[in-house]
């Protein structure tokens, strides 16, 4: 019985669930990226498909029954086309419809109406064709421009990879002082005065990591680690060691080699047996 006591004591406190940043290379990601991730994935977005009710309880006007308020977000479907456009918070919703009281309900998908529009970025000084919804255009008009809409909207409401990539590029461009407008100093100064206010809520490190997906952040971290600790192939190391060994061996042979004896002082065996050779003087 005693062998189960430890497990039972741990079960009282529950088992620890590993998060996205608790294992592997993700543990080394900086706090700047974790802050962006919490803003993007863990913050509840603005309610678009339902009206959020205030308070904890509500009273029915007819029956007078008090019931708790349940602001449960509607589950969405995220198709791959979602990351290729800017939908302004609209999503694909899966549900059921009952078109006839005498028949069963049937599955149904509610899709946002998409349209391709040409939008202009003043900071980047370029036009781009983007798939948007009517709500996206309404938000852009109410924000007085495409750049203002992206810079003032949190990541949880933008959602798509395309919108976050454009916002990341806008922040980098503003941080660098809009170098693409260097040919027009007056316009460059006006743009910086109008949009530099959005840089106050970010640090340079947060701008560096803002807008990256989890895979891109891991690749960026891995690249920085590889650049700091370059990996040298073994064949290069072994070649260098072999060349060094050969050089030392050659130096050792040269140092041990005796100086050559002059030819005049040598006497070969042929000169000893040659009867016509010159005799040595005694």
C-alpha atoms as a PDB file:
ATOM      1  CA  UNK A   1       0.000   0.000   0.000  1.00  0.00           C
ATOM      2  CA  UNK A   2       2.889   2.332   0.758  1.00  0.00           C
ATOM      3  CA  UNK A   3       4.145   2.143  -2.802  1.00  0.00           C
ATOM      4  CA  UNK A   4       1.020   3.923  -4.025  1.00  0.00           C
ATOM      5  CA  UNK A   5       1.127   6.754  -1.473  1.00  0.00           C
ATOM      6  CA  UNK A   6       3.509   8.969  -3.440  1.00  0.00           C
ATOM      7  CA  UNK A   7       1.502   8.670  -6.619  1.00  0.00           C
ATOM      8  CA  UNK A   8      -1.702   9.412  -4.715  1.00  0.00           C
ATOM      9  CA  UNK A   9      -0.180  12.508  -3.095  1.00  0.00           C
ATOM     10  CA  UNK A  10       0.907  13.834  -6.469  1.00  0.00           C
ATOM     11  CA  UNK A  11      -2.520  13.149  -7.915  1.00  0.00           C
ATOM     12  CA  UNK A  12      -4.039  15.477  -5.319  1.00  0.00           C
ATOM     13  CA  UNK A  13      -2.219  18.410  -6.868  1.00  0.00           C
ATOM     14  CA  UNK A  14      -2.841  17.272 -10.426  1.00  0.00           C
ATOM     15  CA  UNK A  15      -0.371  16.468 -13.164  1.00  0.00           C
ATOM     16  CA  UNK A  16       1.667  19.189 -14.786  1.00  0.00           C
ATOM     17  CA  UNK A  17       0.738  19.908 -18.374  1.00  0.00           C
ATOM     18  CA  UNK A  18       3.601  21.021 -20.559  1.00  0.00           C
ATOM     19  CA  UNK A  19       2.917  24.155 -22.516  1.00  0.00           C
ATOM     20  CA  UNK A  20       4.187  25.177 -25.910  1.00  0.00           C
ATOM     21  CA  UNK A  21       7.279  26.836 -24.430  1.00  0.00           C
ATOM     22  CA  UNK A  22       8.152  24.173 -21.845  1.00  0.00           C
ATOM     23  CA  UNK A  23      10.071  21.705 -23.993  1.00  0.00           C
ATOM     24  CA  UNK A  24      12.606  21.540 -26.768  1.00  0.00           C
ATOM     25  CA  UNK A  25      14.103  24.570 -28.414  1.00  0.00           C
ATOM     26  CA  UNK A  26      11.000  26.606 -27.579  1.00  0.00           C
ATOM     27  CA  UNK A  27      12.249  26.972 -23.990  1.00  0.00           C
ATOM     28  CA  UNK A  28      15.003  29.274 -25.282  1.00  0.00           C
ATOM     29  CA  UNK A  29      12.671  31.662 -27.099  1.00  0.00           C
ATOM     30  CA  UNK A  30      12.903  35.204 -25.676  1.00  0.00           C
ATOM     31  CA  UNK A  31      10.183  36.789 -23.579  1.00  0.00           C
ATOM     32  CA  UNK A  32       9.512  39.251 -26.411  1.00  0.00           C
ATOM     33  CA  UNK A  33       8.167  36.472 -28.624  1.00  0.00           C
ATOM     34  CA  UNK A  34       6.194  34.899 -25.775  1.00  0.00           C
ATOM     35  CA  UNK A  35       4.493  38.249 -25.227  1.00  0.00           C
ATOM     36  CA  UNK A  36       3.487  38.378 -28.888  1.00  0.00           C
ATOM     37  CA  UNK A  37       2.267  34.778 -28.738  1.00  0.00           C
ATOM     38  CA  UNK A  38       0.042  35.525 -25.758  1.00  0.00           C
ATOM     39  CA  UNK A  39      -1.391  38.518 -27.605  1.00  0.00           C
ATOM     40  CA  UNK A  40      -2.014  36.427 -30.723  1.00  0.00           C
ATOM     41  CA  UNK A  41      -3.148  33.029 -29.455  1.00  0.00           C
ATOM     42  CA  UNK A  42      -4.176  33.375 -25.820  1.00  0.00           C
ATOM     43  CA  UNK A  43      -6.064  36.686 -25.836  1.00  0.00           C
ATOM     44  CA  UNK A  44      -9.783  36.486 -26.513  1.00  0.00           C
ATOM     45  CA  UNK A  45     -10.595  38.328 -29.769  1.00  0.00           C
ATOM     46  CA  UNK A  46     -13.360  40.859 -30.189  1.00  0.00           C
ATOM     47  CA  UNK A  47     -16.779  39.221 -30.501  1.00  0.00           C
ATOM     48  CA  UNK A  48     -17.991  39.447 -34.096  1.00  0.00           C
ATOM     49  CA  UNK A  49     -20.569  36.675 -34.546  1.00  0.00           C
ATOM     50  CA  UNK A  50     -22.401  37.177 -31.249  1.00  0.00           C
ATOM     51  CA  UNK A  51     -23.291  40.073 -28.936  1.00  0.00           C
ATOM     52  CA  UNK A  52     -21.326  39.881 -25.724  1.00  0.00           C
ATOM     53  CA  UNK A  53     -23.457  40.469 -22.609  1.00  0.00           C
ATOM     54  CA  UNK A  54     -22.221  42.428 -19.603  1.00  0.00           C
ATOM     55  CA  UNK A  55     -22.484  41.261 -16.018  1.00  0.00           C
ATOM     56  CA  UNK A  56     -22.739  37.818 -14.470  1.00  0.00           C
ATOM     57  CA  UNK A  57     -26.524  37.366 -14.327  1.00  0.00           C
ATOM     58  CA  UNK A  58     -29.541  38.418 -16.362  1.00  0.00           C
ATOM     59  CA  UNK A  59     -33.296  38.431 -15.715  1.00  0.00           C
ATOM     60  CA  UNK A  60     -35.813  37.292 -18.292  1.00  0.00           C
ATOM     61  CA  UNK A  61     -38.235  40.112 -19.076  1.00  0.00           C
ATOM     62  CA  UNK A  62     -41.244  37.779 -19.424  1.00  0.00           C
ATOM     63  CA  UNK A  63     -40.781  35.105 -16.777  1.00  0.00           C
ATOM     64  CA  UNK A  64     -38.489  37.010 -14.402  1.00  0.00           C
ATOM     65  CA  UNK A  65     -36.179  34.018 -14.073  1.00  0.00           C
ATOM     66  CA  UNK A  66     -32.572  34.915 -13.239  1.00  0.00           C
ATOM     67  CA  UNK A  67     -29.984  32.975 -15.225  1.00  0.00           C
ATOM     68  CA  UNK A  68     -26.187  33.250 -15.370  1.00  0.00           C
ATOM     69  CA  UNK A  69     -24.676  35.021 -18.352  1.00  0.00           C
ATOM     70  CA  UNK A  70     -22.704  32.646 -20.561  1.00  0.00           C
ATOM     71  CA  UNK A  71     -20.437  34.415 -23.041  1.00  0.00           C
ATOM     72  CA  UNK A  72     -19.168  31.313 -24.780  1.00  0.00           C
ATOM     73  CA  UNK A  73     -17.174  32.070 -27.959  1.00  0.00           C
ATOM     74  CA  UNK A  74     -18.428  30.368 -31.095  1.00  0.00           C
ATOM     75  CA  UNK A  75     -15.981  27.705 -32.363  1.00  0.00           C
ATOM     76  CA  UNK A  76     -14.551  28.630 -35.753  1.00  0.00           C
ATOM     77  CA  UNK A  77     -13.128  26.749 -38.694  1.00  0.00           C
ATOM     78  CA  UNK A  78      -9.765  27.955 -40.000  1.00  0.00           C
ATOM     79  CA  UNK A  79      -9.292  27.067 -43.683  1.00  0.00           C
ATOM     80  CA  UNK A  80      -5.911  27.574 -45.311  1.00  0.00           C
ATOM     81  CA  UNK A  81      -7.320  30.547 -47.246  1.00  0.00           C
ATOM     82  CA  UNK A  82      -7.724  32.391 -43.938  1.00  0.00           C
ATOM     83  CA  UNK A  83      -3.963  33.032 -43.656  1.00  0.00           C
ATOM     84  CA  UNK A  84      -3.870  34.370 -47.225  1.00  0.00           C
ATOM     85  CA  UNK A  85      -6.258  37.280 -46.596  1.00  0.00           C
ATOM     86  CA  UNK A  86      -7.486  39.794 -44.014  1.00  0.00           C
ATOM     87  CA  UNK A  87     -10.987  38.870 -42.889  1.00  0.00           C
ATOM     88  CA  UNK A  88     -11.465  41.410 -40.086  1.00  0.00           C
ATOM     89  CA  UNK A  89     -12.519  38.867 -37.459  1.00  0.00           C
ATOM     90  CA  UNK A  90     -15.027  36.974 -39.630  1.00  0.00           C
ATOM     91  CA  UNK A  91     -14.650  33.209 -39.747  1.00  0.00           C
ATOM     92  CA  UNK A  92     -16.168  30.035 -41.136  1.00  0.00           C
ATOM     93  CA  UNK A  93     -18.803  28.681 -38.730  1.00  0.00           C
ATOM     94  CA  UNK A  94     -20.095  25.122 -38.754  1.00  0.00           C
ATOM     95  CA  UNK A  95     -23.556  24.445 -37.370  1.00  0.00           C
ATOM     96  CA  UNK A  96     -26.977  23.034 -38.150  1.00  0.00           C
ATOM     97  CA  UNK A  97     -30.102  24.448 -39.755  1.00  0.00           C
ATOM     98  CA  UNK A  98     -33.662  23.144 -39.595  1.00  0.00           C
ATOM     99  CA  UNK A  99     -35.490  24.397 -42.659  1.00  0.00           C
ATOM    100  CA  UNK A 100     -38.638  22.389 -42.003  1.00  0.00           C
ATOM    101  CA  UNK A 101     -40.166  21.741 -38.557  1.00  0.00           C
ATOM    102  CA  UNK A 102     -41.084  18.217 -39.572  1.00  0.00           C
ATOM    103  CA  UNK A 103     -37.607  17.250 -40.785  1.00  0.00           C
ATOM    104  CA  UNK A 104     -34.245  16.714 -39.200  1.00  0.00           C
ATOM    105  CA  UNK A 105     -31.656  19.420 -38.980  1.00  0.00           C
ATOM    106  CA  UNK A 106     -28.821  19.317 -41.476  1.00  0.00           C
ATOM    107  CA  UNK A 107     -25.194  20.508 -41.236  1.00  0.00           C
ATOM    108  CA  UNK A 108     -24.477  23.942 -42.615  1.00  0.00           C
ATOM    109  CA  UNK A 109     -21.428  26.190 -43.042  1.00  0.00           C
ATOM    110  CA  UNK A 110     -21.669  29.963 -42.802  1.00  0.00           C
ATOM    111  CA  UNK A 111     -19.000  31.578 -44.965  1.00  0.00           C
ATOM    112  CA  UNK A 112     -17.912  35.223 -45.044  1.00  0.00           C
ATOM    113  CA  UNK A 113     -18.260  37.013 -48.367  1.00  0.00           C
ATOM    114  CA  UNK A 114     -14.774  37.520 -49.707  1.00  0.00           C
ATOM    115  CA  UNK A 115     -13.651  40.047 -52.271  1.00  0.00           C
ATOM    116  CA  UNK A 116     -10.288  41.047 -53.676  1.00  0.00           C
ATOM    117  CA  UNK A 117      -9.505  44.723 -53.134  1.00  0.00           C
ATOM    118  CA  UNK A 118      -6.493  46.898 -53.903  1.00  0.00           C
ATOM    119  CA  UNK A 119      -5.194  48.571 -50.745  1.00  0.00           C
ATOM    120  CA  UNK A 120      -2.467  51.179 -50.403  1.00  0.00           C
ATOM    121  CA  UNK A 121       0.129  51.365 -47.661  1.00  0.00           C
ATOM    122  CA  UNK A 122       1.492  54.854 -47.039  1.00  0.00           C
ATOM    123  CA  UNK A 123       4.395  53.639 -44.904  1.00  0.00           C
ATOM    124  CA  UNK A 124       5.538  51.049 -47.451  1.00  0.00           C
ATOM    125  CA  UNK A 125       4.544  53.312 -50.378  1.00  0.00           C
ATOM    126  CA  UNK A 126       3.013  50.459 -52.356  1.00  0.00           C
ATOM    127  CA  UNK A 127      -0.283  48.987 -53.531  1.00  0.00           C
ATOM    128  CA  UNK A 128      -1.290  45.405 -52.801  1.00  0.00           C
ATOM    129  CA  UNK A 129      -4.207  43.181 -53.833  1.00  0.00           C
ATOM    130  CA  UNK A 130      -5.666  41.533 -50.728  1.00  0.00           C
ATOM    131  CA  UNK A 131      -8.677  39.275 -50.135  1.00  0.00           C
ATOM    132  CA  UNK A 132     -10.872  41.069 -47.577  1.00  0.00           C
ATOM    133  CA  UNK A 133     -14.438  41.127 -46.258  1.00  0.00           C
ATOM    134  CA  UNK A 134     -16.912  43.973 -45.962  1.00  0.00           C
ATOM    135  CA  UNK A 135     -16.180  44.266 -42.253  1.00  0.00           C
ATOM    136  CA  UNK A 136     -12.472  44.632 -43.022  1.00  0.00           C
ATOM    137  CA  UNK A 137     -13.180  47.569 -45.322  1.00  0.00           C
ATOM    138  CA  UNK A 138     -15.445  49.144 -42.694  1.00  0.00           C
ATOM    139  CA  UNK A 139     -12.678  48.847 -40.099  1.00  0.00           C
ATOM    140  CA  UNK A 140     -10.125  50.344 -42.507  1.00  0.00           C
ATOM    141  CA  UNK A 141     -12.397  53.312 -43.231  1.00  0.00           C
ATOM    142  CA  UNK A 142     -13.140  53.861 -39.538  1.00  0.00           C
ATOM    143  CA  UNK A 143      -9.401  53.738 -38.777  1.00  0.00           C
ATOM    144  CA  UNK A 144      -8.677  56.338 -41.518  1.00  0.00           C
ATOM    145  CA  UNK A 145      -6.340  54.142 -43.500  1.00  0.00           C
ATOM    146  CA  UNK A 146      -4.971  50.656 -44.041  1.00  0.00           C
ATOM    147  CA  UNK A 147      -1.772  51.276 -42.066  1.00  0.00           C
ATOM    148  CA  UNK A 148      -3.654  52.727 -39.097  1.00  0.00           C
ATOM    149  CA  UNK A 149      -5.950  49.702 -39.032  1.00  0.00           C
ATOM    150  CA  UNK A 150      -3.072  47.212 -38.935  1.00  0.00           C
ATOM    151  CA  UNK A 151      -0.958  49.128 -36.422  1.00  0.00           C
ATOM    152  CA  UNK A 152      -3.740  49.821 -33.922  1.00  0.00           C
ATOM    153  CA  UNK A 153      -5.418  46.386 -34.080  1.00  0.00           C
ATOM    154  CA  UNK A 154      -4.066  43.689 -31.713  1.00  0.00           C
ATOM    155  CA  UNK A 155      -2.777  40.419 -33.106  1.00  0.00           C
ATOM    156  CA  UNK A 156      -5.728  38.416 -31.749  1.00  0.00           C
ATOM    157  CA  UNK A 157      -8.138  40.435 -33.926  1.00  0.00           C
ATOM    158  CA  UNK A 158      -5.941  40.373 -37.042  1.00  0.00           C
ATOM    159  CA  UNK A 159      -5.378  36.636 -36.790  1.00  0.00           C
ATOM    160  CA  UNK A 160      -4.071  35.769 -40.254  1.00  0.00           C
ATOM    161  CA  UNK A 161      -0.408  35.307 -41.107  1.00  0.00           C
ATOM    162  CA  UNK A 162      -0.657  37.804 -43.971  1.00  0.00           C
ATOM    163  CA  UNK A 163      -1.937  40.655 -41.803  1.00  0.00           C
ATOM    164  CA  UNK A 164       0.695  39.991 -39.135  1.00  0.00           C
ATOM    165  CA  UNK A 165       3.463  39.837 -41.748  1.00  0.00           C
ATOM    166  CA  UNK A 166       2.402  43.214 -43.163  1.00  0.00           C
ATOM    167  CA  UNK A 167       2.181  44.707 -39.669  1.00  0.00           C
ATOM    168  CA  UNK A 168       5.656  43.364 -38.882  1.00  0.00           C
ATOM    169  CA  UNK A 169       6.989  44.994 -42.041  1.00  0.00           C
ATOM    170  CA  UNK A 170       5.317  48.292 -41.120  1.00  0.00           C
ATOM    171  CA  UNK A 171       6.921  48.279 -37.671  1.00  0.00           C
ATOM    172  CA  UNK A 172      10.361  47.518 -39.108  1.00  0.00           C
ATOM    173  CA  UNK A 173       9.953  50.269 -41.703  1.00  0.00           C
ATOM    174  CA  UNK A 174       8.949  52.845 -39.087  1.00  0.00           C
ATOM    175  CA  UNK A 175      11.771  51.775 -36.798  1.00  0.00           C
ATOM    176  CA  UNK A 176      14.280  52.269 -39.630  1.00  0.00           C
ATOM    177  CA  UNK A 177      12.876  55.742 -40.407  1.00  0.00           C
ATOM    178  CA  UNK A 178      11.090  54.873 -43.685  1.00  0.00           C
ATOM    179  CA  UNK A 179      14.198  54.602 -45.901  1.00  0.00           C
ATOM    180  CA  UNK A 180      12.051  53.936 -48.993  1.00  0.00           C
ATOM    181  CA  UNK A 181      10.826  57.553 -48.768  1.00  0.00           C
ATOM    182  CA  UNK A 182      14.313  59.047 -48.558  1.00  0.00           C
ATOM    183  CA  UNK A 183      13.906  60.599 -52.019  1.00  0.00           C
ATOM    184  CA  UNK A 184      11.023  62.723 -50.677  1.00  0.00           C
ATOM    185  CA  UNK A 185      12.135  64.143 -47.297  1.00  0.00           C
ATOM    186  CA  UNK A 186       8.930  66.133 -46.787  1.00  0.00           C
ATOM    187  CA  UNK A 187       6.718  63.080 -47.247  1.00  0.00           C
ATOM    188  CA  UNK A 188       9.066  60.996 -45.115  1.00  0.00           C
ATOM    189  CA  UNK A 189       8.826  63.477 -42.238  1.00  0.00           C
ATOM    190  CA  UNK A 190       5.013  63.584 -42.475  1.00  0.00           C
ATOM    191  CA  UNK A 191       4.722  59.790 -42.397  1.00  0.00           C
ATOM    192  CA  UNK A 192       7.029  59.511 -39.386  1.00  0.00           C
ATOM    193  CA  UNK A 193       5.101  62.180 -37.484  1.00  0.00           C
ATOM    194  CA  UNK A 194       1.799  60.442 -38.214  1.00  0.00           C
ATOM    195  CA  UNK A 195       2.747  56.831 -37.490  1.00  0.00           C
ATOM    196  CA  UNK A 196       5.653  56.981 -35.019  1.00  0.00           C
ATOM    197  CA  UNK A 197       3.158  56.919 -32.123  1.00  0.00           C
ATOM    198  CA  UNK A 198       2.662  53.184 -32.667  1.00  0.00           C
ATOM    199  CA  UNK A 199       6.317  52.452 -31.862  1.00  0.00           C
ATOM    200  CA  UNK A 200       5.916  53.597 -28.260  1.00  0.00           C
ATOM    201  CA  UNK A 201       4.177  50.385 -27.191  1.00  0.00           C
ATOM    202  CA  UNK A 202       6.980  48.127 -28.464  1.00  0.00           C
ATOM    203  CA  UNK A 203      10.638  47.684 -27.598  1.00  0.00           C
ATOM    204  CA  UNK A 204      13.218  47.022 -30.350  1.00  0.00           C
ATOM    205  CA  UNK A 205      13.415  43.368 -29.306  1.00  0.00           C
ATOM    206  CA  UNK A 206       9.631  42.993 -29.430  1.00  0.00           C
ATOM    207  CA  UNK A 207       9.568  44.470 -32.944  1.00  0.00           C
ATOM    208  CA  UNK A 208      12.264  42.010 -34.000  1.00  0.00           C
ATOM    209  CA  UNK A 209      10.142  39.024 -32.935  1.00  0.00           C
ATOM    210  CA  UNK A 210       6.685  40.449 -33.675  1.00  0.00           C
ATOM    211  CA  UNK A 211       4.553  38.759 -36.324  1.00  0.00           C
ATOM    212  CA  UNK A 212       6.513  35.507 -36.587  1.00  0.00           C
ATOM    213  CA  UNK A 213       4.770  32.166 -36.561  1.00  0.00           C
ATOM    214  CA  UNK A 214       5.984  29.520 -34.136  1.00  0.00           C
ATOM    215  CA  UNK A 215       7.913  27.721 -36.882  1.00  0.00           C
ATOM    216  CA  UNK A 216       9.527  30.949 -38.090  1.00  0.00           C
ATOM    217  CA  UNK A 217      10.519  31.865 -34.530  1.00  0.00           C
ATOM    218  CA  UNK A 218      12.154  28.459 -34.003  1.00  0.00           C
ATOM    219  CA  UNK A 219      14.041  28.788 -37.302  1.00  0.00           C
ATOM    220  CA  UNK A 220      15.191  32.292 -36.367  1.00  0.00           C
ATOM    221  CA  UNK A 221      16.414  31.083 -32.966  1.00  0.00           C
ATOM    222  CA  UNK A 222      18.165  28.081 -34.511  1.00  0.00           C
ATOM    223  CA  UNK A 223      19.912  30.315 -37.048  1.00  0.00           C
ATOM    224  CA  UNK A 224      21.176  32.639 -34.313  1.00  0.00           C
ATOM    225  CA  UNK A 225      22.513  29.634 -32.366  1.00  0.00           C
ATOM    226  CA  UNK A 226      24.231  28.245 -35.468  1.00  0.00           C
ATOM    227  CA  UNK A 227      25.789  31.628 -36.251  1.00  0.00           C
ATOM    228  CA  UNK A 228      27.097  31.957 -32.690  1.00  0.00           C
ATOM    229  CA  UNK A 229      28.482  28.392 -32.672  1.00  0.00           C
ATOM    230  CA  UNK A 230      29.373  27.463 -36.256  1.00  0.00           C
ATOM    231  CA  UNK A 231      29.672  23.729 -36.911  1.00  0.00           C
ATOM    232  CA  UNK A 232      32.929  22.761 -38.650  1.00  0.00           C
ATOM    233  CA  UNK A 233      32.729  19.528 -40.704  1.00  0.00           C
ATOM    234  CA  UNK A 234      34.872  16.653 -39.416  1.00  0.00           C
ATOM    235  CA  UNK A 235      36.700  16.337 -42.720  1.00  0.00           C
ATOM    236  CA  UNK A 236      38.025  19.887 -42.314  1.00  0.00           C
ATOM    237  CA  UNK A 237      39.214  19.157 -38.767  1.00  0.00           C
ATOM    238  CA  UNK A 238      40.859  15.853 -39.755  1.00  0.00           C
ATOM    239  CA  UNK A 239      42.530  17.450 -42.792  1.00  0.00           C
ATOM    240  CA  UNK A 240      43.996  20.211 -40.635  1.00  0.00           C
ATOM    241  CA  UNK A 241      45.269  17.664 -38.087  1.00  0.00           C
ATOM    242  CA  UNK A 242      46.839  15.533 -40.835  1.00  0.00           C
ATOM    243  CA  UNK A 243      48.581  18.534 -42.394  1.00  0.00           C
ATOM    244  CA  UNK A 244      49.911  19.553 -38.988  1.00  0.00           C
ATOM    245  CA  UNK A 245      51.209  16.023 -38.307  1.00  0.00           C
ATOM    246  CA  UNK A 246      52.941  15.885 -41.701  1.00  0.00           C
ATOM    247  CA  UNK A 247      54.528  19.288 -41.116  1.00  0.00           C
ATOM    248  CA  UNK A 248      55.871  18.256 -37.714  1.00  0.00           C
ATOM    249  CA  UNK A 249      57.178  14.956 -39.110  1.00  0.00           C
ATOM    250  CA  UNK A 250      58.986  16.792 -41.916  1.00  0.00           C
ATOM    251  CA  UNK A 251      60.562  19.226 -39.471  1.00  0.00           C
ATOM    252  CA  UNK A 252      61.685  16.325 -37.276  1.00  0.00           C
ATOM    253  CA  UNK A 253      63.313  14.514 -40.214  1.00  0.00           C
ATOM    254  CA  UNK A 254      65.128  17.674 -41.310  1.00  0.00           C
ATOM    255  CA  UNK A 255      66.422  18.316 -37.790  1.00  0.00           C
ATOM    256  CA  UNK A 256      67.754  14.726 -37.433  1.00  0.00           C
ATOM    257  CA  UNK A 257      69.384  14.590 -40.883  1.00  0.00           C
ATOM    258  CA  UNK A 258      73.277  14.792 -40.859  1.00  0.00           C
ATOM    259  CA  UNK A 259      74.999  17.331 -43.099  1.00  0.00           C
ATOM    260  CA  UNK A 260      76.240  15.833 -46.420  1.00  0.00           C
ATOM    261  CA  UNK A 261      79.942  14.780 -46.666  1.00  0.00           C
ATOM    262  CA  UNK A 262      81.957  16.411 -49.528  1.00  0.00           C
ATOM    263  CA  UNK A 263      82.639  14.109 -52.491  1.00  0.00           C
ATOM    264  CA  UNK A 264      86.416  14.803 -52.434  1.00  0.00           C
ATOM    265  CA  UNK A 265      86.744  13.309 -48.956  1.00  0.00           C
ATOM    266  CA  UNK A 266      84.879  10.106 -49.739  1.00  0.00           C
ATOM    267  CA  UNK A 267      86.579   6.948 -50.824  1.00  0.00           C
ATOM    268  CA  UNK A 268      84.540   4.358 -52.621  1.00  0.00           C
ATOM    269  CA  UNK A 269      85.306   0.643 -52.738  1.00  0.00           C
ATOM    270  CA  UNK A 270      85.937   0.985 -56.476  1.00  0.00           C
ATOM    271  CA  UNK A 271      88.947   3.208 -55.921  1.00  0.00           C
ATOM    272  CA  UNK A 272      90.437   0.607 -53.601  1.00  0.00           C
ATOM    273  CA  UNK A 273      90.371  -2.257 -56.112  1.00  0.00           C
ATOM    274  CA  UNK A 274      91.360  -0.166 -59.170  1.00  0.00           C
ATOM    275  CA  UNK A 275      95.033  -1.017 -59.927  1.00  0.00           C
ATOM    276  CA  UNK A 276      95.419   2.023 -62.136  1.00  0.00           C
ATOM    277  CA  UNK A 277      94.143   4.360 -59.540  1.00  0.00           C
ATOM    278  CA  UNK A 278      96.395   6.972 -57.986  1.00  0.00           C
ATOM    279  CA  UNK A 279      98.269   5.599 -55.022  1.00  0.00           C
ATOM    280  CA  UNK A 280      98.202   7.434 -51.782  1.00  0.00           C
ATOM    281  CA  UNK A 281     101.387   9.036 -50.655  1.00  0.00           C
ATOM    282  CA  UNK A 282     102.943   7.605 -47.546  1.00  0.00           C
END
